[in-house]
Amino acid sequence: MLILASASPRRHELLLAAGIDHVIRAASIPEERRLSEPAIHLVTRLAEEKARAIEHSAQDIVLGADTVVCLDDAVLGKPTSDEDARRMLRLLSGRDHWVYTGICILAKGTAMGDVASTRVSFERMGDNEIEEYIRSGEPRDKAGAYGIQGRGSKFVRSIQGCYQNVVGLPVSLVYRYLRELAPQPG
């Protein structure tokens, strides 16, 4: 049984679309960055903490994940307010940034972790476009204050790497580990 230790509807939908059966048991942990913690360490640490935070049996496989957006040295998580979303979107406007998703799979007494990295290029956004986007409500629960799979897609000039990673879960990376745990015939 695969248990997704996340309440993210996007992660759930990505797993469903890939035909990966799972149940949801959302983990509740403080998602705080430690002083000077690199983004890649942050997402791998939080993914593992989420996976370990939920109850599961020895037969279960648990998947924890965490996603952040990085611009230079700034880590952009989910905005805390519309003003915070406005700040993030202004920072991203006309620039490239990285999206990192850490995954942790707990199975058979072992924790396996990895990180997916995707480079995203944004178009320039005017103040009116930013305000309209914030009014849509979409930025509120998204790392970096945008959703590539929704209205935020119009601001994305290009991506290099895994699209699903930017949505919130690098499904092919997860599947690679799941396949190693239960090899398929052929």
N, C-alpha and C. Protein backbone atom coordinates (compact mmCIF):
# COMPACT_ATOMS: atom_id res chain seq x y z
N MET A 1 0.84 -1.17 0.00
CA MET A 1 0.00 0.00 0.00
C MET A 1 0.89 1.24 0.00
N LEU A 2 0.71 2.15 -0.98
CA LEU A 2 1.43 3.41 -1.02
C LEU A 2 0.61 4.44 -0.26
N ILE A 3 1.26 5.11 0.67
CA ILE A 3 0.62 6.17 1.44
C ILE A 3 1.28 7.48 1.07
N LEU A 4 0.50 8.43 0.61
CA LEU A 4 0.99 9.77 0.30
C LEU A 4 0.86 10.61 1.57
N ALA A 5 1.98 11.06 2.11
CA ALA A 5 1.99 11.85 3.34
C ALA A 5 1.85 13.33 3.02
N SER A 6 0.79 13.66 2.30
CA SER A 6 0.59 15.04 1.84
C SER A 6 -0.89 15.29 1.60
N ALA A 7 -1.33 16.49 1.90
CA ALA A 7 -2.71 16.89 1.61
C ALA A 7 -2.81 17.61 0.28
N SER A 8 -1.71 17.69 -0.46
CA SER A 8 -1.70 18.42 -1.73
C SER A 8 -2.62 17.77 -2.76
N PRO A 9 -3.63 18.48 -3.21
CA PRO A 9 -4.49 17.90 -4.25
C PRO A 9 -3.72 17.68 -5.56
N ARG A 10 -2.71 18.48 -5.82
CA ARG A 10 -1.93 18.32 -7.04
C ARG A 10 -1.12 17.04 -7.02
N ARG A 11 -0.51 16.71 -5.89
CA ARG A 11 0.26 15.46 -5.80
C ARG A 11 -0.67 14.26 -5.96
N HIS A 12 -1.81 14.34 -5.31
CA HIS A 12 -2.82 13.27 -5.43
C HIS A 12 -3.23 13.08 -6.89
N GLU A 13 -3.54 14.18 -7.58
CA GLU A 13 -3.98 14.11 -8.98
C GLU A 13 -2.88 13.58 -9.89
N LEU A 14 -1.64 13.96 -9.64
CA LEU A 14 -0.53 13.47 -10.46
C LEU A 14 -0.36 11.95 -10.31
N LEU A 15 -0.47 11.46 -9.08
CA LEU A 15 -0.37 10.02 -8.87
C LEU A 15 -1.54 9.29 -9.53
N LEU A 16 -2.74 9.83 -9.39
CA LEU A 16 -3.91 9.22 -10.03
C LEU A 16 -3.74 9.17 -11.55
N ALA A 17 -3.30 10.29 -12.13
CA ALA A 17 -3.14 10.36 -13.59
C ALA A 17 -2.13 9.33 -14.09
N ALA A 18 -1.14 9.01 -13.26
CA ALA A 18 -0.12 8.04 -13.64
C ALA A 18 -0.55 6.60 -13.33
N GLY A 19 -1.73 6.44 -12.74
CA GLY A 19 -2.21 5.11 -12.42
C GLY A 19 -1.52 4.49 -11.22
N ILE A 20 -1.03 5.33 -10.32
CA ILE A 20 -0.36 4.84 -9.11
C ILE A 20 -1.36 4.88 -7.96
N ASP A 21 -1.83 3.70 -7.55
CA ASP A 21 -2.80 3.61 -6.45
C ASP A 21 -2.16 4.06 -5.15
N HIS A 22 -2.94 4.78 -4.36
CA HIS A 22 -2.42 5.29 -3.10
C HIS A 22 -3.58 5.73 -2.20
N VAL A 23 -3.26 5.93 -0.95
CA VAL A 23 -4.17 6.56 0.00
C VAL A 23 -3.46 7.79 0.55
N ILE A 24 -4.24 8.70 1.07
CA ILE A 24 -3.68 9.95 1.60
C ILE A 24 -3.76 9.94 3.12
N ARG A 25 -2.64 10.22 3.75
CA ARG A 25 -2.58 10.46 5.19
C ARG A 25 -1.68 11.68 5.37
N ALA A 26 -2.30 12.81 5.39
CA ALA A 26 -1.53 14.06 5.41
C ALA A 26 -0.72 14.20 6.69
N ALA A 27 0.54 14.55 6.50
CA ALA A 27 1.44 14.81 7.63
C ALA A 27 1.33 16.28 8.02
N SER A 28 1.43 16.52 9.29
CA SER A 28 1.42 17.90 9.77
C SER A 28 2.73 18.15 10.53
N ILE A 29 3.62 18.86 9.87
CA ILE A 29 4.92 19.18 10.48
C ILE A 29 5.20 20.67 10.25
N PRO A 30 6.03 21.28 11.08
CA PRO A 30 6.44 22.66 10.81
C PRO A 30 7.36 22.69 9.59
N GLU A 31 7.02 23.51 8.61
CA GLU A 31 7.82 23.58 7.38
C GLU A 31 8.70 24.82 7.41
N GLU A 32 9.69 24.78 8.28
CA GLU A 32 10.55 25.94 8.48
C GLU A 32 11.97 25.65 8.00
N ARG A 33 12.54 26.65 7.37
CA ARG A 33 13.92 26.54 6.89
C ARG A 33 14.87 26.87 8.03
N ARG A 34 15.89 26.05 8.17
CA ARG A 34 16.92 26.31 9.17
C ARG A 34 17.86 27.39 8.65
N LEU A 35 18.52 28.06 9.55
CA LEU A 35 19.43 29.14 9.20
C LEU A 35 20.47 28.66 8.19
N SER A 36 20.53 29.33 7.06
CA SER A 36 21.49 29.06 5.98
C SER A 36 21.32 27.67 5.36
N GLU A 37 20.18 27.05 5.55
CA GLU A 37 19.96 25.71 4.98
C GLU A 37 19.76 25.82 3.47
N PRO A 38 20.57 25.11 2.68
CA PRO A 38 20.38 25.13 1.23
C PRO A 38 19.01 24.54 0.85
N ALA A 39 18.44 25.02 -0.23
CA ALA A 39 17.10 24.61 -0.65
C ALA A 39 17.01 23.10 -0.86
N ILE A 40 18.03 22.50 -1.44
CA ILE A 40 17.99 21.06 -1.70
C ILE A 40 17.96 20.27 -0.39
N HIS A 41 18.70 20.72 0.61
CA HIS A 41 18.64 20.06 1.92
C HIS A 41 17.29 20.28 2.58
N LEU A 42 16.73 21.47 2.42
CA LEU A 42 15.42 21.79 2.99
C LEU A 42 14.35 20.83 2.48
N VAL A 43 14.25 20.69 1.15
CA VAL A 43 13.17 19.85 0.60
C VAL A 43 13.38 18.37 0.91
N THR A 44 14.62 17.91 0.95
CA THR A 44 14.84 16.49 1.29
C THR A 44 14.54 16.25 2.77
N ARG A 45 14.93 17.17 3.62
CA ARG A 45 14.66 17.03 5.06
C ARG A 45 13.15 17.03 5.32
N LEU A 46 12.45 18.01 4.73
CA LEU A 46 11.00 18.09 4.97
C LEU A 46 10.26 16.89 4.39
N ALA A 47 10.69 16.41 3.23
CA ALA A 47 10.05 15.22 2.64
C ALA A 47 10.19 14.04 3.59
N GLU A 48 11.38 13.85 4.16
CA GLU A 48 11.57 12.73 5.09
C GLU A 48 10.78 12.94 6.38
N GLU A 49 10.76 14.17 6.91
CA GLU A 49 9.99 14.43 8.12
C GLU A 49 8.50 14.16 7.90
N LYS A 50 7.99 14.52 6.73
CA LYS A 50 6.59 14.25 6.42
C LYS A 50 6.33 12.75 6.35
N ALA A 51 7.21 12.03 5.68
CA ALA A 51 7.04 10.58 5.55
C ALA A 51 7.06 9.90 6.91
N ARG A 52 7.95 10.33 7.79
CA ARG A 52 8.08 9.70 9.11
C ARG A 52 6.98 10.13 10.08
N ALA A 53 6.29 11.23 9.77
CA ALA A 53 5.30 11.78 10.71
C ALA A 53 3.97 11.03 10.72
N ILE A 54 3.72 10.19 9.75
CA ILE A 54 2.42 9.52 9.70
C ILE A 54 2.54 8.07 10.18
N GLU A 55 1.43 7.56 10.70
CA GLU A 55 1.40 6.16 11.13
C GLU A 55 1.35 5.26 9.91
N HIS A 56 2.11 4.19 10.00
CA HIS A 56 2.11 3.20 8.92
C HIS A 56 2.64 1.88 9.44
N SER A 57 2.34 0.82 8.72
CA SER A 57 2.82 -0.51 9.11
C SER A 57 4.12 -0.82 8.37
N ALA A 58 4.75 -1.91 8.77
CA ALA A 58 6.02 -2.31 8.14
C ALA A 58 5.84 -2.69 6.68
N GLN A 59 4.61 -3.06 6.28
CA GLN A 59 4.35 -3.44 4.90
C GLN A 59 4.05 -2.25 3.99
N ASP A 60 3.76 -1.11 4.58
CA ASP A 60 3.39 0.07 3.80
C ASP A 60 4.61 0.72 3.15
N ILE A 61 4.34 1.42 2.08
CA ILE A 61 5.33 2.30 1.44
C ILE A 61 4.80 3.71 1.62
N VAL A 62 5.62 4.58 2.17
CA VAL A 62 5.20 5.95 2.46
C VAL A 62 5.98 6.92 1.57
N LEU A 63 5.25 7.85 0.97
CA LEU A 63 5.86 8.87 0.13
C LEU A 63 5.66 10.24 0.75
N GLY A 64 6.75 10.91 1.07
CA GLY A 64 6.74 12.30 1.52
C GLY A 64 7.36 13.16 0.44
N ALA A 65 6.89 14.39 0.32
CA ALA A 65 7.43 15.30 -0.71
C ALA A 65 7.33 16.74 -0.23
N ASP A 66 8.23 17.56 -0.72
CA ASP A 66 8.19 18.99 -0.44
C ASP A 66 8.77 19.73 -1.63
N THR A 67 8.14 20.86 -1.98
CA THR A 67 8.53 21.65 -3.15
C THR A 67 8.79 23.10 -2.75
N VAL A 68 9.87 23.67 -3.28
CA VAL A 68 10.14 25.10 -3.13
C VAL A 68 10.58 25.68 -4.46
N VAL A 69 10.44 26.97 -4.56
CA VAL A 69 10.92 27.74 -5.70
C VAL A 69 12.11 28.55 -5.22
N CYS A 70 13.19 28.58 -6.00
CA CYS A 70 14.39 29.30 -5.61
C CYS A 70 14.79 30.31 -6.68
N LEU A 71 15.06 31.49 -6.23
CA LEU A 71 15.54 32.56 -7.09
C LEU A 71 16.81 33.10 -6.44
N ASP A 72 17.93 32.89 -7.10
CA ASP A 72 19.23 33.22 -6.51
C ASP A 72 19.34 32.45 -5.19
N ASP A 73 19.52 33.14 -4.08
CA ASP A 73 19.61 32.47 -2.79
C ASP A 73 18.29 32.48 -2.02
N ALA A 74 17.26 33.09 -2.60
CA ALA A 74 15.98 33.18 -1.91
C ALA A 74 15.15 31.92 -2.14
N VAL A 75 14.61 31.37 -1.05
CA VAL A 75 13.71 30.22 -1.11
C VAL A 75 12.30 30.75 -0.97
N LEU A 76 11.48 30.48 -1.99
CA LEU A 76 10.11 30.95 -1.99
C LEU A 76 9.17 29.77 -1.77
N GLY A 77 8.60 29.71 -0.59
CA GLY A 77 7.63 28.68 -0.29
C GLY A 77 6.24 29.18 -0.64
N LYS A 78 5.25 28.75 0.11
CA LYS A 78 3.88 29.23 -0.12
C LYS A 78 3.76 30.63 0.48
N PRO A 79 3.10 31.54 -0.22
CA PRO A 79 2.98 32.90 0.32
C PRO A 79 2.13 32.93 1.58
N THR A 80 2.49 33.81 2.50
CA THR A 80 1.75 33.94 3.75
C THR A 80 0.60 34.93 3.64
N SER A 81 0.58 35.72 2.56
CA SER A 81 -0.45 36.74 2.37
C SER A 81 -0.45 37.17 0.91
N ASP A 82 -1.43 37.97 0.52
CA ASP A 82 -1.44 38.51 -0.85
C ASP A 82 -0.22 39.40 -1.07
N GLU A 83 0.18 40.14 -0.05
CA GLU A 83 1.36 41.00 -0.18
C GLU A 83 2.62 40.16 -0.42
N ASP A 84 2.71 39.05 0.27
CA ASP A 84 3.84 38.14 0.09
C ASP A 84 3.81 37.54 -1.31
N ALA A 85 2.63 37.17 -1.81
CA ALA A 85 2.50 36.66 -3.18
C ALA A 85 2.93 37.73 -4.19
N ARG A 86 2.52 38.95 -3.96
CA ARG A 86 2.89 40.08 -4.83
C ARG A 86 4.41 40.23 -4.87
N ARG A 87 5.05 40.16 -3.70
CA ARG A 87 6.51 40.26 -3.61
C ARG A 87 7.18 39.15 -4.42
N MET A 88 6.70 37.92 -4.25
CA MET A 88 7.29 36.79 -4.95
C MET A 88 7.14 36.92 -6.46
N LEU A 89 5.95 37.27 -6.90
CA LEU A 89 5.70 37.38 -8.34
C LEU A 89 6.53 38.50 -8.97
N ARG A 90 6.73 39.58 -8.24
CA ARG A 90 7.60 40.66 -8.75
C ARG A 90 9.05 40.19 -8.86
N LEU A 91 9.48 39.37 -7.90
CA LEU A 91 10.84 38.82 -7.96
C LEU A 91 11.01 37.90 -9.17
N LEU A 92 9.99 37.08 -9.45
CA LEU A 92 10.07 36.10 -10.54
C LEU A 92 9.92 36.72 -11.92
N SER A 93 9.26 37.85 -12.00
CA SER A 93 8.93 38.49 -13.28
C SER A 93 10.17 38.70 -14.16
N GLY A 94 10.11 38.11 -15.37
CA GLY A 94 11.18 38.30 -16.35
C GLY A 94 12.47 37.57 -16.03
N ARG A 95 12.43 36.63 -15.09
CA ARG A 95 13.66 35.96 -14.66
C ARG A 95 13.52 34.45 -14.69
N ASP A 96 14.65 33.79 -14.57
CA ASP A 96 14.69 32.34 -14.43
C ASP A 96 14.77 31.99 -12.95
N HIS A 97 14.17 30.85 -12.60
CA HIS A 97 14.27 30.35 -11.25
C HIS A 97 14.28 28.83 -11.29
N TRP A 98 14.53 28.22 -10.14
CA TRP A 98 14.58 26.76 -10.02
C TRP A 98 13.44 26.28 -9.13
N VAL A 99 12.87 25.15 -9.49
CA VAL A 99 11.90 24.47 -8.64
C VAL A 99 12.53 23.16 -8.20
N TYR A 100 12.58 22.97 -6.88
CA TYR A 100 13.14 21.75 -6.31
C TYR A 100 12.03 21.01 -5.56
N THR A 101 11.92 19.72 -5.83
CA THR A 101 11.03 18.87 -5.05
C THR A 101 11.85 17.73 -4.47
N GLY A 102 11.82 17.64 -3.16
CA GLY A 102 12.45 16.52 -2.48
C GLY A 102 11.42 15.43 -2.27
N ILE A 103 11.82 14.19 -2.48
CA ILE A 103 10.95 13.07 -2.19
C ILE A 103 11.64 12.14 -1.19
N CYS A 104 10.85 11.47 -0.38
CA CYS A 104 11.36 10.45 0.51
C CYS A 104 10.38 9.29 0.47
N ILE A 105 10.91 8.11 0.21
CA ILE A 105 10.10 6.90 0.21
C ILE A 105 10.61 6.02 1.34
N LEU A 106 9.71 5.73 2.27
CA LEU A 106 10.01 4.81 3.37
C LEU A 106 9.44 3.45 3.01
N ALA A 107 10.28 2.44 3.01
CA ALA A 107 9.83 1.08 2.70
C ALA A 107 10.83 0.09 3.27
N LYS A 108 10.30 -0.97 3.82
CA LYS A 108 11.14 -2.07 4.31
C LYS A 108 12.22 -1.57 5.26
N GLY A 109 11.87 -0.61 6.10
CA GLY A 109 12.80 -0.10 7.10
C GLY A 109 13.87 0.82 6.57
N THR A 110 13.75 1.23 5.31
CA THR A 110 14.76 2.09 4.67
C THR A 110 14.12 3.38 4.17
N ALA A 111 14.86 4.47 4.27
CA ALA A 111 14.42 5.75 3.71
C ALA A 111 15.25 6.03 2.46
N MET A 112 14.55 6.24 1.35
CA MET A 112 15.22 6.58 0.09
C MET A 112 14.80 8.00 -0.28
N GLY A 113 15.78 8.86 -0.52
CA GLY A 113 15.46 10.24 -0.85
C GLY A 113 16.12 10.68 -2.13
N ASP A 114 15.51 11.68 -2.76
CA ASP A 114 16.05 12.23 -3.98
C ASP A 114 15.46 13.62 -4.19
N VAL A 115 16.01 14.34 -5.16
CA VAL A 115 15.53 15.69 -5.49
C VAL A 115 15.41 15.84 -6.99
N ALA A 116 14.32 16.44 -7.44
CA ALA A 116 14.17 16.82 -8.85
C ALA A 116 14.35 18.33 -8.95
N SER A 117 15.02 18.76 -10.01
CA SER A 117 15.29 20.18 -10.24
C SER A 117 14.80 20.57 -11.63
N THR A 118 14.05 21.64 -11.70
CA THR A 118 13.54 22.14 -12.98
C THR A 118 13.78 23.64 -13.05
N ARG A 119 14.31 24.08 -14.18
CA ARG A 119 14.54 25.51 -14.41
C ARG A 119 13.34 26.08 -15.14
N VAL A 120 12.81 27.19 -14.62
CA VAL A 120 11.62 27.82 -15.20
C VAL A 120 11.96 29.27 -15.56
N SER A 121 11.60 29.67 -16.78
CA SER A 121 11.79 31.06 -17.23
C SER A 121 10.44 31.75 -17.26
N PHE A 122 10.36 32.90 -16.64
CA PHE A 122 9.12 33.68 -16.58
C PHE A 122 9.17 34.86 -17.54
N GLU A 123 8.03 35.15 -18.11
CA GLU A 123 7.84 36.39 -18.87
C GLU A 123 7.80 37.56 -17.89
N ARG A 124 7.99 38.76 -18.40
CA ARG A 124 7.80 39.95 -17.57
C ARG A 124 6.31 40.08 -17.28
N MET A 125 6.02 40.44 -16.05
CA MET A 125 4.62 40.61 -15.62
C MET A 125 4.42 42.05 -15.16
N GLY A 126 3.37 42.67 -15.69
CA GLY A 126 3.04 44.01 -15.25
C GLY A 126 2.28 43.98 -13.94
N ASP A 127 2.25 45.12 -13.26
CA ASP A 127 1.55 45.21 -11.98
C ASP A 127 0.09 44.80 -12.11
N ASN A 128 -0.56 45.20 -13.20
CA ASN A 128 -1.97 44.83 -13.38
C ASN A 128 -2.13 43.32 -13.54
N GLU A 129 -1.21 42.68 -14.24
CA GLU A 129 -1.26 41.23 -14.40
C GLU A 129 -1.07 40.52 -13.06
N ILE A 130 -0.13 41.02 -12.28
CA ILE A 130 0.11 40.45 -10.95
C ILE A 130 -1.13 40.59 -10.08
N GLU A 131 -1.73 41.77 -10.07
CA GLU A 131 -2.92 42.01 -9.25
C GLU A 131 -4.08 41.12 -9.68
N GLU A 132 -4.27 40.98 -10.99
CA GLU A 132 -5.35 40.13 -11.50
C GLU A 132 -5.11 38.68 -11.09
N TYR A 133 -3.88 38.24 -11.17
CA TYR A 133 -3.55 36.87 -10.81
C TYR A 133 -3.77 36.63 -9.31
N ILE A 134 -3.37 37.57 -8.49
CA ILE A 134 -3.57 37.44 -7.05
C ILE A 134 -5.07 37.38 -6.72
N ARG A 135 -5.86 38.21 -7.41
CA ARG A 135 -7.32 38.20 -7.18
C ARG A 135 -7.94 36.85 -7.54
N SER A 136 -7.31 36.09 -8.44
CA SER A 136 -7.85 34.78 -8.81
C SER A 136 -7.77 33.79 -7.64
N GLY A 137 -6.90 34.06 -6.67
CA GLY A 137 -6.73 33.18 -5.52
C GLY A 137 -5.74 32.05 -5.75
N GLU A 138 -5.34 31.83 -6.99
CA GLU A 138 -4.47 30.71 -7.31
C GLU A 138 -3.11 30.73 -6.59
N PRO A 139 -2.49 31.89 -6.40
CA PRO A 139 -1.16 31.89 -5.78
C PRO A 139 -1.12 31.48 -4.30
N ARG A 140 -2.26 31.45 -3.63
CA ARG A 140 -2.28 31.31 -2.17
C ARG A 140 -1.63 30.05 -1.62
N ASP A 141 -1.78 28.92 -2.27
CA ASP A 141 -1.25 27.68 -1.69
C ASP A 141 -0.18 27.04 -2.57
N LYS A 142 0.54 27.86 -3.30
CA LYS A 142 1.54 27.35 -4.23
C LYS A 142 2.92 27.90 -3.90
N ALA A 143 3.92 27.03 -3.91
CA ALA A 143 5.29 27.48 -3.74
C ALA A 143 5.62 28.48 -4.84
N GLY A 144 6.23 29.60 -4.46
CA GLY A 144 6.57 30.63 -5.44
C GLY A 144 5.38 31.46 -5.88
N ALA A 145 4.21 31.20 -5.33
CA ALA A 145 2.99 31.98 -5.60
C ALA A 145 2.45 31.83 -7.01
N TYR A 146 2.73 30.67 -7.65
CA TYR A 146 2.13 30.45 -8.97
C TYR A 146 1.89 28.97 -9.20
N GLY A 147 0.92 28.69 -10.06
CA GLY A 147 0.62 27.33 -10.47
C GLY A 147 0.84 27.21 -11.97
N ILE A 148 1.81 26.41 -12.36
CA ILE A 148 2.12 26.24 -13.78
C ILE A 148 0.99 25.54 -14.52
N GLN A 149 0.18 24.76 -13.80
CA GLN A 149 -0.89 24.00 -14.41
C GLN A 149 -2.19 24.79 -14.51
N GLY A 150 -2.19 26.03 -14.04
CA GLY A 150 -3.40 26.85 -14.06
C GLY A 150 -3.17 28.18 -14.74
N ARG A 151 -3.73 29.23 -14.15
CA ARG A 151 -3.62 30.57 -14.73
C ARG A 151 -2.18 31.07 -14.79
N GLY A 152 -1.35 30.55 -13.92
CA GLY A 152 0.06 30.96 -13.92
C GLY A 152 0.82 30.50 -15.15
N SER A 153 0.24 29.57 -15.90
CA SER A 153 0.92 29.05 -17.09
C SER A 153 1.21 30.13 -18.12
N LYS A 154 0.40 31.17 -18.16
CA LYS A 154 0.61 32.22 -19.17
C LYS A 154 1.88 33.04 -18.93
N PHE A 155 2.45 32.91 -17.73
CA PHE A 155 3.67 33.66 -17.42
C PHE A 155 4.94 32.83 -17.68
N VAL A 156 4.79 31.55 -17.97
CA VAL A 156 5.93 30.66 -18.13
C VAL A 156 6.40 30.67 -19.58
N ARG A 157 7.60 31.19 -19.80
CA ARG A 157 8.19 31.24 -21.14
C ARG A 157 8.71 29.86 -21.54
N SER A 158 9.40 29.19 -20.61
CA SER A 158 9.94 27.87 -20.92
C SER A 158 10.31 27.16 -19.63
N ILE A 159 10.47 25.83 -19.76
CA ILE A 159 11.00 25.06 -18.64
C ILE A 159 12.06 24.10 -19.17
N GLN A 160 13.02 23.79 -18.32
CA GLN A 160 14.04 22.78 -18.62
C GLN A 160 13.99 21.79 -17.48
N GLY A 161 13.48 20.60 -17.77
CA GLY A 161 13.34 19.58 -16.74
C GLY A 161 11.92 19.06 -16.69
N CYS A 162 11.57 18.51 -15.57
CA CYS A 162 10.30 17.83 -15.38
C CYS A 162 9.16 18.80 -15.08
N TYR A 163 8.17 18.82 -15.97
CA TYR A 163 6.99 19.67 -15.78
C TYR A 163 6.25 19.29 -14.50
N GLN A 164 6.07 17.99 -14.27
CA GLN A 164 5.33 17.54 -13.10
C GLN A 164 6.01 17.96 -11.80
N ASN A 165 7.31 18.09 -11.83
CA ASN A 165 8.05 18.60 -10.67
C ASN A 165 7.56 20.00 -10.30
N VAL A 166 7.34 20.83 -11.30
CA VAL A 166 6.88 22.20 -11.05
C VAL A 166 5.45 22.18 -10.50
N VAL A 167 4.65 21.22 -10.91
CA VAL A 167 3.29 21.08 -10.38
C VAL A 167 3.37 20.64 -8.91
N GLY A 168 4.38 19.84 -8.55
CA GLY A 168 4.54 19.47 -7.15
C GLY A 168 5.01 18.06 -6.87
N LEU A 169 5.17 17.22 -7.92
CA LEU A 169 5.66 15.87 -7.67
C LEU A 169 6.28 15.31 -8.96
N PRO A 170 7.58 15.02 -8.94
CA PRO A 170 8.22 14.43 -10.11
C PRO A 170 7.84 12.94 -10.22
N VAL A 171 6.73 12.68 -10.88
CA VAL A 171 6.15 11.34 -10.90
C VAL A 171 7.11 10.29 -11.45
N SER A 172 7.84 10.60 -12.51
CA SER A 172 8.76 9.60 -13.07
C SER A 172 9.85 9.23 -12.07
N LEU A 173 10.32 10.18 -11.28
CA LEU A 173 11.32 9.90 -10.25
C LEU A 173 10.73 9.00 -9.16
N VAL A 174 9.52 9.33 -8.73
CA VAL A 174 8.84 8.51 -7.72
C VAL A 174 8.65 7.09 -8.27
N TYR A 175 8.19 7.00 -9.50
CA TYR A 175 7.92 5.69 -10.09
C TYR A 175 9.19 4.85 -10.21
N ARG A 176 10.29 5.50 -10.51
CA ARG A 176 11.57 4.78 -10.60
C ARG A 176 11.87 4.06 -9.28
N TYR A 177 11.65 4.74 -8.15
CA TYR A 177 11.88 4.11 -6.85
C TYR A 177 10.83 3.03 -6.56
N LEU A 178 9.58 3.29 -6.88
CA LEU A 178 8.54 2.29 -6.65
C LEU A 178 8.80 1.03 -7.47
N ARG A 179 9.26 1.21 -8.68
CA ARG A 179 9.57 0.07 -9.55
C ARG A 179 10.71 -0.76 -8.97
N GLU A 180 11.69 -0.10 -8.37
CA GLU A 180 12.80 -0.83 -7.73
C GLU A 180 12.31 -1.66 -6.54
N LEU A 181 11.29 -1.15 -5.84
CA LEU A 181 10.75 -1.86 -4.69
C LEU A 181 9.93 -3.09 -5.08
N ALA A 182 9.25 -3.00 -6.21
CA ALA A 182 8.39 -4.10 -6.67
C ALA A 182 8.60 -4.27 -8.17
N PRO A 183 9.67 -4.93 -8.57
CA PRO A 183 9.96 -5.07 -10.00
C PRO A 183 8.79 -5.69 -10.76
N GLN A 184 8.52 -5.13 -11.91
CA GLN A 184 7.46 -5.62 -12.79
C GLN A 184 8.03 -6.63 -13.76
N PRO A 185 7.24 -7.65 -14.12
CA PRO A 185 7.73 -8.61 -15.10
C PRO A 185 7.95 -7.95 -16.45
N GLY A 186 8.98 -8.39 -17.15
CA GLY A 186 9.24 -7.90 -18.50
C GLY A 186 9.99 -6.69 -18.46
